[in-house]
PDB file of N, CA and C in Angstrom:
ATOM      1  N   MET A   1       0.850  -1.186   0.000  1.00  0.00           N
ATOM      2  CA  MET A   1       0.000   0.000   0.000  1.00  0.00           C
ATOM      3  C   MET A   1       0.892   1.244   0.000  1.00  0.00           C
ATOM      4  N   THR A   2       0.525   2.192  -0.810  1.00  0.00           N
ATOM      5  CA  THR A   2       1.226   3.472  -0.886  1.00  0.00           C
ATOM      6  C   THR A   2       1.050   4.238   0.422  1.00  0.00           C
ATOM      7  N   LEU A   3       2.031   5.069   0.745  1.00  0.00           N
ATOM      8  CA  LEU A   3       1.973   5.912   1.928  1.00  0.00           C
ATOM      9  C   LEU A   3       2.041   7.372   1.485  1.00  0.00           C
ATOM     10  N   VAL A   4       1.011   8.147   1.836  1.00  0.00           N
ATOM     11  CA  VAL A   4       0.976   9.581   1.546  1.00  0.00           C
ATOM     12  C   VAL A   4       1.357  10.316   2.831  1.00  0.00           C
ATOM     13  N   LEU A   5       2.254  11.283   2.710  1.00  0.00           N
ATOM     14  CA  LEU A   5       2.689  12.053   3.873  1.00  0.00           C
ATOM     15  C   LEU A   5       2.000  13.413   3.888  1.00  0.00           C
ATOM     16  N   ASP A   6       1.513  13.818   5.056  1.00  0.00           N
ATOM     17  CA  ASP A   6       0.954  15.164   5.176  1.00  0.00           C
ATOM     18  C   ASP A   6       1.985  16.074   5.839  1.00  0.00           C
ATOM     19  N   ALA A   7       1.625  17.322   6.057  1.00  0.00           N
ATOM     20  CA  ALA A   7       2.578  18.291   6.611  1.00  0.00           C
ATOM     21  C   ALA A   7       3.066  17.878   7.994  1.00  0.00           C
ATOM     22  N   GLY A   8       2.199  17.284   8.782  1.00  0.00           N
ATOM     23  CA  GLY A   8       2.619  16.837  10.114  1.00  0.00           C
ATOM     24  C   GLY A   8       3.743  15.825  10.048  1.00  0.00           C
ATOM     25  N   ALA A   9       3.670  14.923   9.074  1.00  0.00           N
ATOM     26  CA  ALA A   9       4.736  13.935   8.901  1.00  0.00           C
ATOM     27  C   ALA A   9       6.031  14.616   8.473  1.00  0.00           C
ATOM     28  N   LEU A  10       5.933  15.593   7.559  1.00  0.00           N
ATOM     29  CA  LEU A  10       7.137  16.302   7.119  1.00  0.00           C
ATOM     30  C   LEU A  10       7.758  17.097   8.267  1.00  0.00           C
ATOM     31  N   ILE A  11       6.930  17.734   9.065  1.00  0.00           N
ATOM     32  CA  ILE A  11       7.433  18.505  10.206  1.00  0.00           C
ATOM     33  C   ILE A  11       8.082  17.570  11.225  1.00  0.00           C
ATOM     34  N   ALA A  12       7.484  16.403  11.429  1.00  0.00           N
ATOM     35  CA  ALA A  12       8.074  15.426  12.349  1.00  0.00           C
ATOM     36  C   ALA A  12       9.456  14.986  11.859  1.00  0.00           C
ATOM     37  N   ILE A  13       9.582  14.730  10.565  1.00  0.00           N
ATOM     38  CA  ILE A  13      10.890  14.375   9.999  1.00  0.00           C
ATOM     39  C   ILE A  13      11.867  15.525  10.208  1.00  0.00           C
ATOM     40  N   ASP A  14      11.420  16.731   9.927  1.00  0.00           N
ATOM     41  CA  ASP A  14      12.267  17.914  10.072  1.00  0.00           C
ATOM     42  C   ASP A  14      12.782  18.056  11.505  1.00  0.00           C
ATOM     43  N   ARG A  15      11.971  17.667  12.468  1.00  0.00           N
ATOM     44  CA  ARG A  15      12.348  17.774  13.887  1.00  0.00           C
ATOM     45  C   ARG A  15      13.116  16.551  14.391  1.00  0.00           C
ATOM     46  N   GLY A  16      13.356  15.597  13.494  1.00  0.00           N
ATOM     47  CA  GLY A  16      14.130  14.415  13.873  1.00  0.00           C
ATOM     48  C   GLY A  16      13.345  13.365  14.631  1.00  0.00           C
ATOM     49  N   ASP A  17      12.033  13.343  14.453  1.00  0.00           N
ATOM     50  CA  ASP A  17      11.192  12.374  15.153  1.00  0.00           C
ATOM     51  C   ASP A  17      11.530  10.956  14.695  1.00  0.00           C
ATOM     52  N   ARG A  18      12.005  10.147  15.612  1.00  0.00           N
ATOM     53  CA  ARG A  18      12.471   8.795  15.269  1.00  0.00           C
ATOM     54  C   ARG A  18      11.336   7.859  14.870  1.00  0.00           C
ATOM     55  N   ARG A  19      10.203   7.997  15.496  1.00  0.00           N
ATOM     56  CA  ARG A  19       9.082   7.116  15.157  1.00  0.00           C
ATOM     57  C   ARG A  19       8.635   7.353  13.718  1.00  0.00           C
ATOM     58  N   THR A  20       8.498   8.608  13.342  1.00  0.00           N
ATOM     59  CA  THR A  20       8.087   8.929  11.975  1.00  0.00           C
ATOM     60  C   THR A  20       9.130   8.449  10.980  1.00  0.00           C
ATOM     61  N   ALA A  21      10.397   8.683  11.286  1.00  0.00           N
ATOM     62  CA  ALA A  21      11.472   8.206  10.406  1.00  0.00           C
ATOM     63  C   ALA A  21      11.425   6.690  10.270  1.00  0.00           C
ATOM     64  N   ALA A  22      11.145   5.991  11.370  1.00  0.00           N
ATOM     65  CA  ALA A  22      11.073   4.530  11.328  1.00  0.00           C
ATOM     66  C   ALA A  22       9.895   4.057  10.480  1.00  0.00           C
ATOM     67  N   LEU A  23       8.754   4.728  10.591  1.00  0.00           N
ATOM     68  CA  LEU A  23       7.592   4.355   9.782  1.00  0.00           C
ATOM     69  C   LEU A  23       7.879   4.538   8.292  1.00  0.00           C
ATOM     70  N   ILE A  24       8.558   5.616   7.943  1.00  0.00           N
ATOM     71  CA  ILE A  24       8.910   5.857   6.543  1.00  0.00           C
ATOM     72  C   ILE A  24       9.945   4.841   6.080  1.00  0.00           C
ATOM     73  N   GLU A  25      10.890   4.505   6.945  1.00  0.00           N
ATOM     74  CA  GLU A  25      11.905   3.500   6.598  1.00  0.00           C
ATOM     75  C   GLU A  25      11.262   2.136   6.356  1.00  0.00           C
ATOM     76  N   VAL A  26      10.294   1.763   7.176  1.00  0.00           N
ATOM     77  CA  VAL A  26       9.586   0.494   6.973  1.00  0.00           C
ATOM     78  C   VAL A  26       8.856   0.508   5.635  1.00  0.00           C
ATOM     79  N   ALA A  27       8.203   1.613   5.318  1.00  0.00           N
ATOM     80  CA  ALA A  27       7.514   1.723   4.023  1.00  0.00           C
ATOM     81  C   ALA A  27       8.513   1.572   2.883  1.00  0.00           C
ATOM     82  N   HIS A  28       9.661   2.210   3.015  1.00  0.00           N
ATOM     83  CA  HIS A  28      10.710   2.107   1.994  1.00  0.00           C
ATOM     84  C   HIS A  28      11.199   0.661   1.886  1.00  0.00           C
ATOM     85  N   ARG A  29      11.480   0.044   3.010  1.00  0.00           N
ATOM     86  CA  ARG A  29      11.974  -1.334   3.027  1.00  0.00           C
ATOM     87  C   ARG A  29      10.952  -2.297   2.419  1.00  0.00           C
ATOM     88  N   ASP A  30       9.670  -2.019   2.645  1.00  0.00           N
ATOM     89  CA  ASP A  30       8.601  -2.865   2.097  1.00  0.00           C
ATOM     90  C   ASP A  30       8.272  -2.514   0.650  1.00  0.00           C
ATOM     91  N   ARG A  31       9.055  -1.612   0.069  1.00  0.00           N
ATOM     92  CA  ARG A  31       8.899  -1.184  -1.326  1.00  0.00           C
ATOM     93  C   ARG A  31       7.542  -0.525  -1.592  1.00  0.00           C
ATOM     94  N   ARG A  32       7.032   0.155  -0.575  1.00  0.00           N
ATOM     95  CA  ARG A  32       5.792   0.908  -0.752  1.00  0.00           C
ATOM     96  C   ARG A  32       6.130   2.250  -1.376  1.00  0.00           C
ATOM     97  N   ASP A  33       5.272   2.717  -2.258  1.00  0.00           N
ATOM     98  CA  ASP A  33       5.450   4.055  -2.814  1.00  0.00           C
ATOM     99  C   ASP A  33       5.212   5.075  -1.707  1.00  0.00           C
ATOM    100  N   ILE A  34       6.010   6.135  -1.705  1.00  0.00           N
ATOM    101  CA  ILE A  34       5.854   7.225  -0.745  1.00  0.00           C
ATOM    102  C   ILE A  34       5.567   8.489  -1.549  1.00  0.00           C
ATOM    103  N   VAL A  35       4.417   9.105  -1.272  1.00  0.00           N
ATOM    104  CA  VAL A  35       3.935  10.247  -2.046  1.00  0.00           C
ATOM    105  C   VAL A  35       3.750  11.448  -1.121  1.00  0.00           C
ATOM    106  N   VAL A  36       4.196  12.612  -1.596  1.00  0.00           N
ATOM    107  CA  VAL A  36       3.969  13.863  -0.874  1.00  0.00           C
ATOM    108  C   VAL A  36       3.300  14.838  -1.834  1.00  0.00           C
ATOM    109  N   PRO A  37       2.044  15.227  -1.573  1.00  0.00           N
ATOM    110  CA  PRO A  37       1.425  16.252  -2.415  1.00  0.00           C
ATOM    111  C   PRO A  37       2.246  17.548  -2.359  1.00  0.00           C
ATOM    112  N   ALA A  38       2.452  18.180  -3.502  1.00  0.00           N
ATOM    113  CA  ALA A  38       3.315  19.365  -3.589  1.00  0.00           C
ATOM    114  C   ALA A  38       2.873  20.480  -2.643  1.00  0.00           C
ATOM    115  N   ALA A  39       1.579  20.673  -2.485  1.00  0.00           N
ATOM    116  CA  ALA A  39       1.106  21.739  -1.596  1.00  0.00           C
ATOM    117  C   ALA A  39       1.534  21.488  -0.151  1.00  0.00           C
ATOM    118  N   VAL A  40       1.669  20.225   0.222  1.00  0.00           N
ATOM    119  CA  VAL A  40       2.117  19.863   1.565  1.00  0.00           C
ATOM    120  C   VAL A  40       3.565  20.307   1.776  1.00  0.00           C
ATOM    121  N   VAL A  41       4.368  20.194   0.724  1.00  0.00           N
ATOM    122  CA  VAL A  41       5.756  20.659   0.823  1.00  0.00           C
ATOM    123  C   VAL A  41       5.766  22.136   1.217  1.00  0.00           C
ATOM    124  N   GLY A  42       4.900  22.919   0.596  1.00  0.00           N
ATOM    125  CA  GLY A  42       4.821  24.343   0.907  1.00  0.00           C
ATOM    126  C   GLY A  42       4.430  24.627   2.345  1.00  0.00           C
ATOM    127  N   GLN A  43       3.651  23.742   2.946  1.00  0.00           N
ATOM    128  CA  GLN A  43       3.272  23.931   4.349  1.00  0.00           C
ATOM    129  C   GLN A  43       4.461  23.736   5.285  1.00  0.00           C
ATOM    130  N   ALA A  44       5.362  22.828   4.935  1.00  0.00           N
ATOM    131  CA  ALA A  44       6.444  22.455   5.849  1.00  0.00           C
ATOM    132  C   ALA A  44       7.785  23.104   5.522  1.00  0.00           C
ATOM    133  N   TRP A  45       7.982  23.504   4.276  1.00  0.00           N
ATOM    134  CA  TRP A  45       9.288  24.011   3.836  1.00  0.00           C
ATOM    135  C   TRP A  45       9.480  25.468   4.239  1.00  0.00           C
ATOM    136  N   ARG A  46      10.599  25.749   4.900  1.00  0.00           N
ATOM    137  CA  ARG A  46      10.899  27.120   5.297  1.00  0.00           C
ATOM    138  C   ARG A  46      12.300  27.546   4.876  1.00  0.00           C
ATOM    139  N   ASP A  47      13.296  26.724   5.141  1.00  0.00           N
ATOM    140  CA  ASP A  47      14.680  27.092   4.838  1.00  0.00           C
ATOM    141  C   ASP A  47      15.483  25.815   4.618  1.00  0.00           C
ATOM    142  N   GLY A  48      15.686  25.482   3.364  1.00  0.00           N
ATOM    143  CA  GLY A  48      16.367  24.240   3.013  1.00  0.00           C
ATOM    144  C   GLY A  48      17.752  24.103   3.593  1.00  0.00           C
ATOM    145  N   SER A  49      18.426  25.211   3.847  1.00  0.00           N
ATOM    146  CA  SER A  49      19.770  25.118   4.423  1.00  0.00           C
ATOM    147  C   SER A  49      19.729  24.682   5.885  1.00  0.00           C
ATOM    148  N   ARG A  50      18.577  24.828   6.515  1.00  0.00           N
ATOM    149  CA  ARG A  50      18.421  24.421   7.919  1.00  0.00           C
ATOM    150  C   ARG A  50      17.581  23.160   8.066  1.00  0.00           C
ATOM    151  N   GLN A  51      16.873  22.785   7.034  1.00  0.00           N
ATOM    152  CA  GLN A  51      15.979  21.628   7.102  1.00  0.00           C
ATOM    153  C   GLN A  51      16.624  20.425   6.404  1.00  0.00           C
ATOM    154  N   VAL A  52      17.763  20.028   6.911  1.00  0.00           N
ATOM    155  CA  VAL A  52      18.564  18.992   6.264  1.00  0.00           C
ATOM    156  C   VAL A  52      17.809  17.668   6.177  1.00  0.00           C
ATOM    157  N   LEU A  53      17.188  17.247   7.259  1.00  0.00           N
ATOM    158  CA  LEU A  53      16.483  15.962   7.255  1.00  0.00           C
ATOM    159  C   LEU A  53      15.310  15.982   6.281  1.00  0.00           C
ATOM    160  N   LEU A  54      14.573  17.081   6.282  1.00  0.00           N
ATOM    161  CA  LEU A  54      13.442  17.199   5.368  1.00  0.00           C
ATOM    162  C   LEU A  54      13.924  17.265   3.923  1.00  0.00           C
ATOM    163  N   ALA A  55      14.972  18.030   3.673  1.00  0.00           N
ATOM    164  CA  ALA A  55      15.519  18.127   2.314  1.00  0.00           C
ATOM    165  C   ALA A  55      15.986  16.763   1.815  1.00  0.00           C
ATOM    166  N   ARG A  56      16.598  15.996   2.693  1.00  0.00           N
ATOM    167  CA  ARG A  56      17.064  14.656   2.319  1.00  0.00           C
ATOM    168  C   ARG A  56      15.873  13.762   1.942  1.00  0.00           C
ATOM    169  N   LEU A  57      14.821  13.809   2.745  1.00  0.00           N
ATOM    170  CA  LEU A  57      13.641  12.994   2.444  1.00  0.00           C
ATOM    171  C   LEU A  57      13.028  13.401   1.110  1.00  0.00           C
ATOM    172  N   LEU A  58      12.792  14.699   0.938  1.00  0.00           N
ATOM    173  CA  LEU A  58      12.126  15.169  -0.279  1.00  0.00           C
ATOM    174  C   LEU A  58      12.981  14.972  -1.520  1.00  0.00           C
ATOM    175  N   GLY A  59      14.294  14.939  -1.354  1.00  0.00           N
ATOM    176  CA  GLY A  59      15.190  14.732  -2.481  1.00  0.00           C
ATOM    177  C   GLY A  59      15.446  13.278  -2.815  1.00  0.00           C
ATOM    178  N   SER A  60      14.918  12.391  -2.001  1.00  0.00           N
ATOM    179  CA  SER A  60      15.128  10.963  -2.218  1.00  0.00           C
ATOM    180  C   SER A  60      14.401  10.493  -3.471  1.00  0.00           C
ATOM    181  N   ARG A  61      15.040   9.618  -4.216  1.00  0.00           N
ATOM    182  CA  ARG A  61      14.379   9.075  -5.411  1.00  0.00           C
ATOM    183  C   ARG A  61      13.216   8.157  -5.039  1.00  0.00           C
ATOM    184  N   ASP A  62      13.125   7.804  -3.752  1.00  0.00           N
ATOM    185  CA  ASP A  62      12.038   6.945  -3.286  1.00  0.00           C
ATOM    186  C   ASP A  62      10.773   7.724  -2.950  1.00  0.00           C
ATOM    187  N   VAL A  63      10.856   9.043  -2.972  1.00  0.00           N
ATOM    188  CA  VAL A  63       9.711   9.888  -2.622  1.00  0.00           C
ATOM    189  C   VAL A  63       9.238  10.620  -3.869  1.00  0.00           C
ATOM    190  N   GLN A  64       7.949  10.481  -4.139  1.00  0.00           N
ATOM    191  CA  GLN A  64       7.342  11.143  -5.300  1.00  0.00           C
ATOM    192  C   GLN A  64       6.610  12.398  -4.830  1.00  0.00           C
ATOM    193  N   ILE A  65       7.013  13.552  -5.351  1.00  0.00           N
ATOM    194  CA  ILE A  65       6.286  14.796  -5.076  1.00  0.00           C
ATOM    195  C   ILE A  65       5.195  14.903  -6.132  1.00  0.00           C
ATOM    196  N   GLU A  66       3.957  14.884  -5.668  1.00  0.00           N
ATOM    197  CA  GLU A  66       2.812  14.857  -6.578  1.00  0.00           C
ATOM    198  C   GLU A  66       2.303  16.279  -6.818  1.00  0.00           C
ATOM    199  N   PRO A  67       2.297  16.730  -8.071  1.00  0.00           N
ATOM    200  CA  PRO A  67       1.860  18.104  -8.349  1.00  0.00           C
ATOM    201  C   PRO A  67       0.379  18.320  -8.038  1.00  0.00           C
ATOM    202  N   LEU A  68       0.057  19.552  -7.702  1.00  0.00           N
ATOM    203  CA  LEU A  68      -1.341  19.932  -7.510  1.00  0.00           C
ATOM    204  C   LEU A  68      -1.875  20.349  -8.879  1.00  0.00           C
ATOM    205  N   THR A  69      -2.421  19.388  -9.585  1.00  0.00           N
ATOM    206  CA  THR A  69      -2.959  19.648 -10.920  1.00  0.00           C
ATOM    207  C   THR A  69      -4.330  20.309 -10.813  1.00  0.00           C
ATOM    208  N   ASP A  70      -4.810  20.797 -11.930  1.00  0.00           N
ATOM    209  CA  ASP A  70      -6.145  21.385 -11.978  1.00  0.00           C
ATOM    210  C   ASP A  70      -7.193  20.364 -11.544  1.00  0.00           C
ATOM    211  N   THR A  71      -7.041  19.134 -11.996  1.00  0.00           N
ATOM    212  CA  THR A  71      -8.000  18.079 -11.649  1.00  0.00           C
ATOM    213  C   THR A  71      -8.019  17.829 -10.147  1.00  0.00           C
ATOM    214  N   VAL A  72      -6.836  17.720  -9.545  1.00  0.00           N
ATOM    215  CA  VAL A  72      -6.757  17.487  -8.099  1.00  0.00           C
ATOM    216  C   VAL A  72      -7.284  18.700  -7.335  1.00  0.00           C
ATOM    217  N   ALA A  73      -6.932  19.899  -7.788  1.00  0.00           N
ATOM    218  CA  ALA A  73      -7.402  21.119  -7.121  1.00  0.00           C
ATOM    219  C   ALA A  73      -8.926  21.200  -7.132  1.00  0.00           C
ATOM    220  N   ARG A  74      -9.524  20.872  -8.266  1.00  0.00           N
ATOM    221  CA  ARG A  74     -10.994  20.915  -8.343  1.00  0.00           C
ATOM    222  C   ARG A  74     -11.630  19.844  -7.459  1.00  0.00           C
ATOM    223  N   ALA A  75     -11.044  18.643  -7.463  1.00  0.00           N
ATOM    224  CA  ALA A  75     -11.572  17.572  -6.610  1.00  0.00           C
ATOM    225  C   ALA A  75     -11.453  17.964  -5.135  1.00  0.00           C
ATOM    226  N   ALA A  76     -10.343  18.593  -4.768  1.00  0.00           N
ATOM    227  CA  ALA A  76     -10.166  19.055  -3.388  1.00  0.00           C
ATOM    228  C   ALA A  76     -11.195  20.134  -3.049  1.00  0.00           C
ATOM    229  N   GLY A  77     -11.457  21.026  -3.985  1.00  0.00           N
ATOM    230  CA  GLY A  77     -12.467  22.056  -3.773  1.00  0.00           C
ATOM    231  C   GLY A  77     -13.854  21.473  -3.584  1.00  0.00           C
ATOM    232  N   VAL A  78     -14.183  20.477  -4.393  1.00  0.00           N
ATOM    233  CA  VAL A  78     -15.483  19.798  -4.252  1.00  0.00           C
ATOM    234  C   VAL A  78     -15.578  19.134  -2.882  1.00  0.00           C
ATOM    235  N   LEU A  79     -14.493  18.458  -2.462  1.00  0.00           N
ATOM    236  CA  LEU A  79     -14.493  17.815  -1.147  1.00  0.00           C
ATOM    237  C   LEU A  79     -14.673  18.851  -0.041  1.00  0.00           C
ATOM    238  N   CYS A  80     -14.005  19.983  -0.153  1.00  0.00           N
ATOM    239  CA  CYS A  80     -14.193  21.050   0.838  1.00  0.00           C
ATOM    240  C   CYS A  80     -15.640  21.529   0.853  1.00  0.00           C
ATOM    241  N   GLY A  81     -16.225  21.672  -0.320  1.00  0.00           N
ATOM    242  CA  GLY A  81     -17.619  22.095  -0.400  1.00  0.00           C
ATOM    243  C   GLY A  81     -18.564  21.098   0.245  1.00  0.00           C
ATOM    244  N   ARG A  82     -18.327  19.817  -0.006  1.00  0.00           N
ATOM    245  CA  ARG A  82     -19.200  18.768   0.558  1.00  0.00           C
ATOM    246  C   ARG A  82     -19.089  18.668   2.071  1.00  0.00           C
ATOM    247  N   THR A  83     -17.929  19.009   2.607  1.00  0.00           N
ATOM    248  CA  THR A  83     -17.709  18.866   4.047  1.00  0.00           C
ATOM    249  C   THR A  83     -17.728  20.207   4.782  1.00  0.00           C
ATOM    250  N   SER A  84     -18.041  21.272   4.056  1.00  0.00           N
ATOM    251  CA  SER A  84     -18.085  22.626   4.632  1.00  0.00           C
ATOM    252  C   SER A  84     -16.785  22.983   5.354  1.00  0.00           C
ATOM    253  N   THR A  85     -15.668  22.652   4.719  1.00  0.00           N
ATOM    254  CA  THR A  85     -14.356  23.015   5.247  1.00  0.00           C
ATOM    255  C   THR A  85     -13.638  23.870   4.211  1.00  0.00           C
ATOM    256  N   SER A  86     -12.488  24.401   4.582  1.00  0.00           N
ATOM    257  CA  SER A  86     -11.776  25.274   3.647  1.00  0.00           C
ATOM    258  C   SER A  86     -10.310  24.902   3.442  1.00  0.00           C
ATOM    259  N   ASP A  87      -9.830  23.838   4.082  1.00  0.00           N
ATOM    260  CA  ASP A  87      -8.415  23.486   3.970  1.00  0.00           C
ATOM    261  C   ASP A  87      -8.177  22.639   2.724  1.00  0.00           C
ATOM    262  N   VAL A  88      -7.874  23.322   1.637  1.00  0.00           N
ATOM    263  CA  VAL A  88      -7.674  22.656   0.345  1.00  0.00           C
ATOM    264  C   VAL A  88      -6.457  21.737   0.390  1.00  0.00           C
ATOM    265  N   ILE A  89      -5.470  22.070   1.201  1.00  0.00           N
ATOM    266  CA  ILE A  89      -4.277  21.218   1.263  1.00  0.00           C
ATOM    267  C   ILE A  89      -4.608  19.893   1.939  1.00  0.00           C
ATOM    268  N   ASP A  90      -5.311  19.915   3.063  1.00  0.00           N
ATOM    269  CA  ASP A  90      -5.753  18.653   3.668  1.00  0.00           C
ATOM    270  C   ASP A  90      -6.622  17.875   2.685  1.00  0.00           C
ATOM    271  N   ALA A  91      -7.496  18.569   1.992  1.00  0.00           N
ATOM    272  CA  ALA A  91      -8.352  17.899   1.011  1.00  0.00           C
ATOM    273  C   ALA A  91      -7.517  17.278  -0.100  1.00  0.00           C
ATOM    274  N   SER A  92      -6.439  17.947  -0.509  1.00  0.00           N
ATOM    275  CA  SER A  92      -5.587  17.372  -1.557  1.00  0.00           C
ATOM    276  C   SER A  92      -4.861  16.128  -1.060  1.00  0.00           C
ATOM    277  N   VAL A  93      -4.554  16.075   0.228  1.00  0.00           N
ATOM    278  CA  VAL A  93      -3.964  14.866   0.815  1.00  0.00           C
ATOM    279  C   VAL A  93      -4.962  13.718   0.720  1.00  0.00           C
ATOM    280  N   VAL A  94      -6.213  13.988   1.060  1.00  0.00           N
ATOM    281  CA  VAL A  94      -7.258  12.967   0.977  1.00  0.00           C
ATOM    282  C   VAL A  94      -7.446  12.508  -0.466  1.00  0.00           C
ATOM    283  N   ILE A  95      -7.499  13.441  -1.399  1.00  0.00           N
ATOM    284  CA  ILE A  95      -7.664  13.093  -2.816  1.00  0.00           C
ATOM    285  C   ILE A  95      -6.504  12.227  -3.280  1.00  0.00           C
ATOM    286  N   SER A  96      -5.292  12.580  -2.893  1.00  0.00           N
ATOM    287  CA  SER A  96      -4.113  11.789  -3.261  1.00  0.00           C
ATOM    288  C   SER A  96      -4.198  10.384  -2.672  1.00  0.00           C
ATOM    289  N   ALA A  97      -4.558  10.294  -1.406  1.00  0.00           N
ATOM    290  CA  ALA A  97      -4.666   8.982  -0.758  1.00  0.00           C
ATOM    291  C   ALA A  97      -5.736   8.123  -1.426  1.00  0.00           C
ATOM    292  N   ARG A  98      -6.858   8.722  -1.761  1.00  0.00           N
ATOM    293  CA  ARG A  98      -7.905   7.970  -2.462  1.00  0.00           C
ATOM    294  C   ARG A  98      -7.400   7.479  -3.817  1.00  0.00           C
ATOM    295  N   HIS A  99      -6.725   8.359  -4.559  1.00  0.00           N
ATOM    296  CA  HIS A  99      -6.220   8.014  -5.889  1.00  0.00           C
ATOM    297  C   HIS A  99      -5.250   6.835  -5.824  1.00  0.00           C
ATOM    298  N   HIS A 100      -4.387   6.838  -4.827  1.00  0.00           N
ATOM    299  CA  HIS A 100      -3.368   5.792  -4.707  1.00  0.00           C
ATOM    300  C   HIS A 100      -3.829   4.607  -3.860  1.00  0.00           C
ATOM    301  N   ARG A 101      -5.048   4.693  -3.315  1.00  0.00           N
ATOM    302  CA  ARG A 101      -5.533   3.686  -2.364  1.00  0.00           C
ATOM    303  C   ARG A 101      -4.508   3.521  -1.246  1.00  0.00           C
ATOM    304  N   ALA A 102      -4.162   4.655  -0.668  1.00  0.00           N
ATOM    305  CA  ALA A 102      -3.039   4.746   0.261  1.00  0.00           C
ATOM    306  C   ALA A 102      -3.490   5.037   1.680  1.00  0.00           C
ATOM    307  N   ALA A 103      -2.580   4.777   2.592  1.00  0.00           N
ATOM    308  CA  ALA A 103      -2.710   5.251   3.964  1.00  0.00           C
ATOM    309  C   ALA A 103      -2.003   6.599   4.046  1.00  0.00           C
ATOM    310  N   VAL A 104      -2.410   7.415   5.011  1.00  0.00           N
ATOM    311  CA  VAL A 104      -1.787   8.723   5.218  1.00  0.00           C
ATOM    312  C   VAL A 104      -1.033   8.700   6.540  1.00  0.00           C
ATOM    313  N   LEU A 105       0.229   9.114   6.498  1.00  0.00           N
ATOM    314  CA  LEU A 105       1.018   9.306   7.710  1.00  0.00           C
ATOM    315  C   LEU A 105       0.801  10.752   8.135  1.00  0.00           C
ATOM    316  N   SER A 106       0.196  10.945   9.308  1.00  0.00           N
ATOM    317  CA  SER A 106      -0.311  12.271   9.668  1.00  0.00           C
ATOM    318  C   SER A 106      -0.276  12.519  11.169  1.00  0.00           C
ATOM    319  N   SER A 107      -0.188  13.788  11.522  1.00  0.00           N
ATOM    320  CA  SER A 107      -0.390  14.204  12.911  1.00  0.00           C
ATOM    321  C   SER A 107      -1.741  14.914  13.049  1.00  0.00           C
ATOM    322  N   ASP A 108      -2.557  14.819  12.023  1.00  0.00           N
ATOM    323  CA  ASP A 108      -3.793  15.600  11.919  1.00  0.00           C
ATOM    324  C   ASP A 108      -5.000  14.690  11.678  1.00  0.00           C
ATOM    325  N   ARG A 109      -5.088  13.619  12.450  1.00  0.00           N
ATOM    326  CA  ARG A 109      -6.127  12.611  12.239  1.00  0.00           C
ATOM    327  C   ARG A 109      -7.531  13.215  12.201  1.00  0.00           C
ATOM    328  N   ASP A 110      -7.855  14.077  13.142  1.00  0.00           N
ATOM    329  CA  ASP A 110      -9.223  14.594  13.246  1.00  0.00           C
ATOM    330  C   ASP A 110      -9.669  15.313  11.977  1.00  0.00           C
ATOM    331  N   ASP A 111      -8.821  16.201  11.461  1.00  0.00           N
ATOM    332  CA  ASP A 111      -9.202  16.950  10.260  1.00  0.00           C
ATOM    333  C   ASP A 111      -9.330  16.040   9.047  1.00  0.00           C
ATOM    334  N   LEU A 112      -8.424  15.073   8.917  1.00  0.00           N
ATOM    335  CA  LEU A 112      -8.489  14.162   7.771  1.00  0.00           C
ATOM    336  C   LEU A 112      -9.695  13.233   7.869  1.00  0.00           C
ATOM    337  N   GLU A 113      -9.988  12.740   9.071  1.00  0.00           N
ATOM    338  CA  GLU A 113     -11.166  11.881   9.243  1.00  0.00           C
ATOM    339  C   GLU A 113     -12.458  12.650   8.995  1.00  0.00           C
ATOM    340  N   PHE A 114     -12.470  13.935   9.290  1.00  0.00           N
ATOM    341  CA  PHE A 114     -13.650  14.745   9.002  1.00  0.00           C
ATOM    342  C   PHE A 114     -13.891  14.793   7.498  1.00  0.00           C
ATOM    343  N   LEU A 115     -12.806  14.894   6.733  1.00  0.00           N
ATOM    344  CA  LEU A 115     -12.918  14.925   5.273  1.00  0.00           C
ATOM    345  C   LEU A 115     -13.271  13.560   4.699  1.00  0.00           C
ATOM    346  N   ASP A 116     -12.770  12.489   5.320  1.00  0.00           N
ATOM    347  CA  ASP A 116     -13.028  11.128   4.836  1.00  0.00           C
ATOM    348  C   ASP A 116     -12.929  10.163   6.011  1.00  0.00           C
ATOM    349  N   PRO A 117     -14.069   9.837   6.635  1.00  0.00           N
ATOM    350  CA  PRO A 117     -14.056   8.982   7.821  1.00  0.00           C
ATOM    351  C   PRO A 117     -13.448   7.595   7.595  1.00  0.00           C
ATOM    352  N   GLY A 118     -13.415   7.123   6.365  1.00  0.00           N
ATOM    353  CA  GLY A 118     -12.879   5.795   6.090  1.00  0.00           C
ATOM    354  C   GLY A 118     -11.416   5.776   5.691  1.00  0.00           C
ATOM    355  N   LEU A 119     -10.774   6.931   5.709  1.00  0.00           N
ATOM    356  CA  LEU A 119      -9.390   7.036   5.257  1.00  0.00           C
ATOM    357  C   LEU A 119      -8.448   6.316   6.221  1.00  0.00           C
ATOM    358  N   PRO A 120      -7.587   5.416   5.698  1.00  0.00           N
ATOM    359  CA  PRO A 120      -6.600   4.786   6.586  1.00  0.00           C
ATOM    360  C   PRO A 120      -5.535   5.809   6.995  1.00  0.00           C
ATOM    361  N   ILE A 121      -5.379   6.005   8.294  1.00  0.00           N
ATOM    362  CA  ILE A 121      -4.439   7.002   8.810  1.00  0.00           C
ATOM    363  C   ILE A 121      -3.497   6.324   9.800  1.00  0.00           C
ATOM    364  N   ILE A 122      -2.219   6.621   9.651  1.00  0.00           N
ATOM    365  CA  ILE A 122      -1.202   6.167  10.592  1.00  0.00           C
ATOM    366  C   ILE A 122      -0.727   7.408  11.333  1.00  0.00           C
ATOM    367  N   ASP A 123      -0.847   7.402  12.642  1.00  0.00           N
ATOM    368  CA  ASP A 123      -0.456   8.568  13.434  1.00  0.00           C
ATOM    369  C   ASP A 123       1.057   8.670  13.544  1.00  0.00           C
ATOM    370  N   CYS A 124       1.545   9.906  13.417  1.00  0.00           N
ATOM    371  CA  CYS A 124       2.982  10.127  13.627  1.00  0.00           C
ATOM    372  C   CYS A 124       3.174  11.077  14.788  1.00  0.00           C
TER     373      CYS A 124
END
């Protein structure tokens, strides 16, 4: 199963969280695809010269940065409309996870479950 990372997972990596790093390493070892929606990168990225761990993860050939296409943006907007929410980036994480039939590595379980109660979420 593919693993989609949200901003909480990226921030945890940036802070050197060992549990999150271990979960990503297990996914890598199990040859699972690891996907990061591009908008999520913008939530977590601040200064690449100081975010060495995050830069290493995002630069890995094992991590796919998924662009926010027009199709994904519109689907995220529709999801926000259906759930009366406004966080298009969280919605894009859900859309990506649905597309890949993936679990999401997240520190934001409540918001993601509100958008999709059936979404597989792994807490980081």
